[in-house]
Amino acid sequence: MLKRVACVLVVMTGVACGFSEARQEGEKLAEHYFAAAQRGDTASIFKMYDDDFYKTTAESKWRDMYGRIRSKVATPRSHTLSRWNVSNMAGTAGAGHAVTLVYDVEYESARGTETIVVFIPSGTNSAGIRGHNFRSDALLQ
């Protein structure tokens, strides 16, 4: 019985470490994104999105949408991580960790939230933004 409990603890610790590392990797990419957004460095920003993001949203379309969003809220001044979640994924888009990060953001001309989903393929540290959602009342005007 003690041996079985020890095995379960080892497995659970390994999973927790993977989730913790994935969260850190996701947050690191999000911090790079916010720093580039504050500088207005869109070239760097668009390189942060992974291939699967651009399979569902053409890069030219995302550039246009991103530009329209920025014209309404301007650049971010500050951001605070309010919620996060890490989950394992396996499917046709690959296996790995999906890190969902929700930030409260104060922009130059509005307030809102940004939800950034970072996908980290198994066996790599090549994180990329797989999903990105902006919410702000300024976007409705």
Protein backbone atom coordinates (compact mmCIF):
# COMPACT_ATOMS: atom_id res chain seq x y z
CA MET A 1 0.00 0.00 0.00
CA LEU A 2 2.78 2.45 0.90
CA LYS A 3 4.53 1.70 -2.40
CA ARG A 4 1.34 2.46 -4.34
CA VAL A 5 0.88 5.80 -2.51
CA ALA A 6 4.50 6.72 -3.22
CA CYS A 7 4.01 5.98 -6.94
CA VAL A 8 0.88 8.14 -7.08
CA LEU A 9 2.72 11.01 -5.37
CA VAL A 10 5.60 10.76 -7.83
CA VAL A 11 3.21 10.85 -10.80
CA MET A 12 1.24 13.77 -9.34
CA THR A 13 4.43 15.71 -8.63
CA GLY A 14 5.60 15.19 -12.20
CA VAL A 15 2.30 16.48 -13.58
CA ALA A 16 2.35 19.49 -11.27
CA CYS A 17 5.88 20.37 -12.32
CA GLY A 18 4.89 20.19 -15.98
CA PHE A 19 1.91 22.46 -15.36
CA SER A 20 4.01 24.93 -13.37
CA GLU A 21 6.67 25.08 -16.06
CA ALA A 22 3.99 25.49 -18.74
CA ARG A 23 2.42 28.38 -16.84
CA GLN A 24 5.81 30.08 -16.50
CA GLU A 25 6.54 29.59 -20.20
CA GLY A 26 3.11 30.96 -21.12
CA GLU A 27 3.52 33.99 -18.88
CA LYS A 28 6.97 34.64 -20.33
CA LEU A 29 5.54 34.79 -23.85
CA ALA A 30 2.66 37.01 -22.70
CA GLU A 31 5.15 39.41 -21.08
CA HIS A 32 7.07 39.58 -24.38
CA TYR A 33 3.79 40.30 -26.13
CA PHE A 34 2.86 43.16 -23.76
CA ALA A 35 6.35 44.67 -23.97
CA ALA A 36 6.21 44.60 -27.78
CA ALA A 37 2.67 46.05 -27.72
CA GLN A 38 3.83 48.94 -25.52
CA ARG A 39 6.64 49.64 -28.01
CA GLY A 40 4.27 49.34 -30.98
CA ASP A 41 6.46 46.54 -32.36
CA THR A 42 3.84 44.72 -34.42
CA ALA A 43 6.46 42.81 -36.44
CA SER A 44 7.57 41.03 -33.26
CA ILE A 45 3.99 40.55 -32.09
CA PHE A 46 2.84 38.77 -35.26
CA LYS A 47 5.78 36.35 -35.02
CA MET A 48 4.52 35.20 -31.58
CA TYR A 49 1.42 33.50 -33.04
CA ASP A 50 1.79 29.85 -33.96
CA ASP A 51 1.04 28.22 -37.32
CA ASP A 52 -2.29 26.82 -36.12
CA PHE A 53 -3.47 30.32 -35.21
CA TYR A 54 -2.75 31.47 -38.75
CA LYS A 55 -4.45 28.37 -40.19
CA THR A 56 -7.75 29.60 -38.76
CA THR A 57 -7.16 33.34 -39.14
CA ALA A 58 -5.11 34.51 -42.10
CA GLU A 59 -2.19 36.69 -41.04
CA SER A 60 -3.37 39.58 -43.23
CA LYS A 61 -6.82 39.42 -41.64
CA TRP A 62 -5.34 39.31 -38.13
CA ARG A 63 -3.07 42.29 -38.91
CA ASP A 64 -6.12 44.26 -40.00
CA MET A 65 -8.19 43.22 -36.97
CA TYR A 66 -5.31 43.92 -34.59
CA GLY A 67 -4.82 47.37 -36.11
CA ARG A 68 -8.51 48.20 -35.68
CA ILE A 69 -8.42 47.02 -32.05
CA ARG A 70 -5.37 49.16 -31.32
CA SER A 71 -6.98 52.20 -32.97
CA LYS A 72 -9.84 51.96 -30.45
CA VAL A 73 -7.98 51.12 -27.21
CA ALA A 74 -4.44 52.29 -28.09
CA THR A 75 -1.41 50.66 -26.47
CA PRO A 76 -1.44 48.94 -23.09
CA ARG A 77 -0.08 50.94 -20.16
CA SER A 78 -0.31 48.20 -17.55
CA HIS A 79 -1.55 44.65 -17.22
CA THR A 80 -2.26 42.29 -14.34
CA LEU A 81 -2.76 38.55 -14.56
CA SER A 82 -6.18 37.87 -13.04
CA ARG A 83 -6.79 34.21 -13.92
CA TRP A 84 -4.93 31.33 -15.50
CA ASN A 85 -5.44 27.71 -16.43
CA VAL A 86 -3.16 24.99 -17.78
CA SER A 87 -4.50 21.91 -19.51
CA ASN A 88 -3.08 19.00 -21.45
CA MET A 89 -4.15 18.79 -25.08
CA ALA A 90 -3.87 16.00 -27.59
CA GLY A 91 -5.43 15.99 -31.01
CA THR A 92 -4.95 16.75 -34.67
CA ALA A 93 -3.30 20.06 -33.75
CA GLY A 94 -0.68 18.20 -31.72
CA ALA A 95 -0.10 17.33 -28.09
CA GLY A 96 1.11 19.66 -25.40
CA HIS A 97 0.03 22.19 -22.80
CA ALA A 98 -2.52 24.92 -23.42
CA VAL A 99 -1.99 27.84 -21.05
CA THR A 100 -4.91 30.27 -20.81
CA LEU A 101 -3.98 33.61 -19.29
CA VAL A 102 -6.53 36.35 -18.57
CA TYR A 103 -5.15 39.84 -18.02
CA ASP A 104 -6.85 42.98 -16.80
CA VAL A 105 -5.39 45.68 -19.03
CA GLU A 106 -5.33 49.44 -18.80
CA TYR A 107 -4.84 50.93 -22.25
CA GLU A 108 -4.09 54.55 -23.08
CA SER A 109 -7.75 55.23 -23.82
CA ALA A 110 -9.73 52.39 -22.22
CA ARG A 111 -9.75 49.42 -19.87
CA GLY A 112 -10.39 45.81 -20.78
CA THR A 113 -9.23 42.22 -20.65
CA GLU A 114 -7.07 40.16 -22.93
CA THR A 115 -7.25 36.40 -22.92
CA ILE A 116 -4.14 34.84 -24.40
CA VAL A 117 -3.95 31.11 -25.06
CA VAL A 118 -0.38 29.86 -25.39
CA PHE A 119 0.24 26.39 -26.79
CA ILE A 120 3.47 24.59 -25.86
CA PRO A 121 3.99 21.41 -27.92
CA SER A 122 5.14 18.36 -25.97
CA GLY A 123 8.90 17.94 -25.83
CA THR A 124 9.64 21.53 -26.86
CA ASN A 125 9.79 25.00 -25.42
CA SER A 126 8.55 26.57 -28.64
CA ALA A 127 5.52 28.33 -27.19
CA GLY A 128 3.23 30.24 -29.52
CA ILE A 129 0.03 32.20 -29.15
CA ARG A 130 -2.81 29.94 -30.32
CA GLY A 131 -5.73 32.16 -29.29
CA HIS A 132 -6.20 35.82 -28.43
CA ASN A 133 -9.34 37.63 -27.32
CA PHE A 134 -9.79 41.32 -26.52
CA ARG A 135 -12.73 42.58 -24.43
CA SER A 136 -13.36 46.26 -23.87
CA ASP A 137 -16.38 48.52 -24.03
CA ALA A 138 -14.28 50.77 -26.29
CA LEU A 139 -14.41 48.07 -28.96
CA LEU A 140 -18.21 48.33 -29.09
CA GLN A 141 -18.19 52.03 -29.92
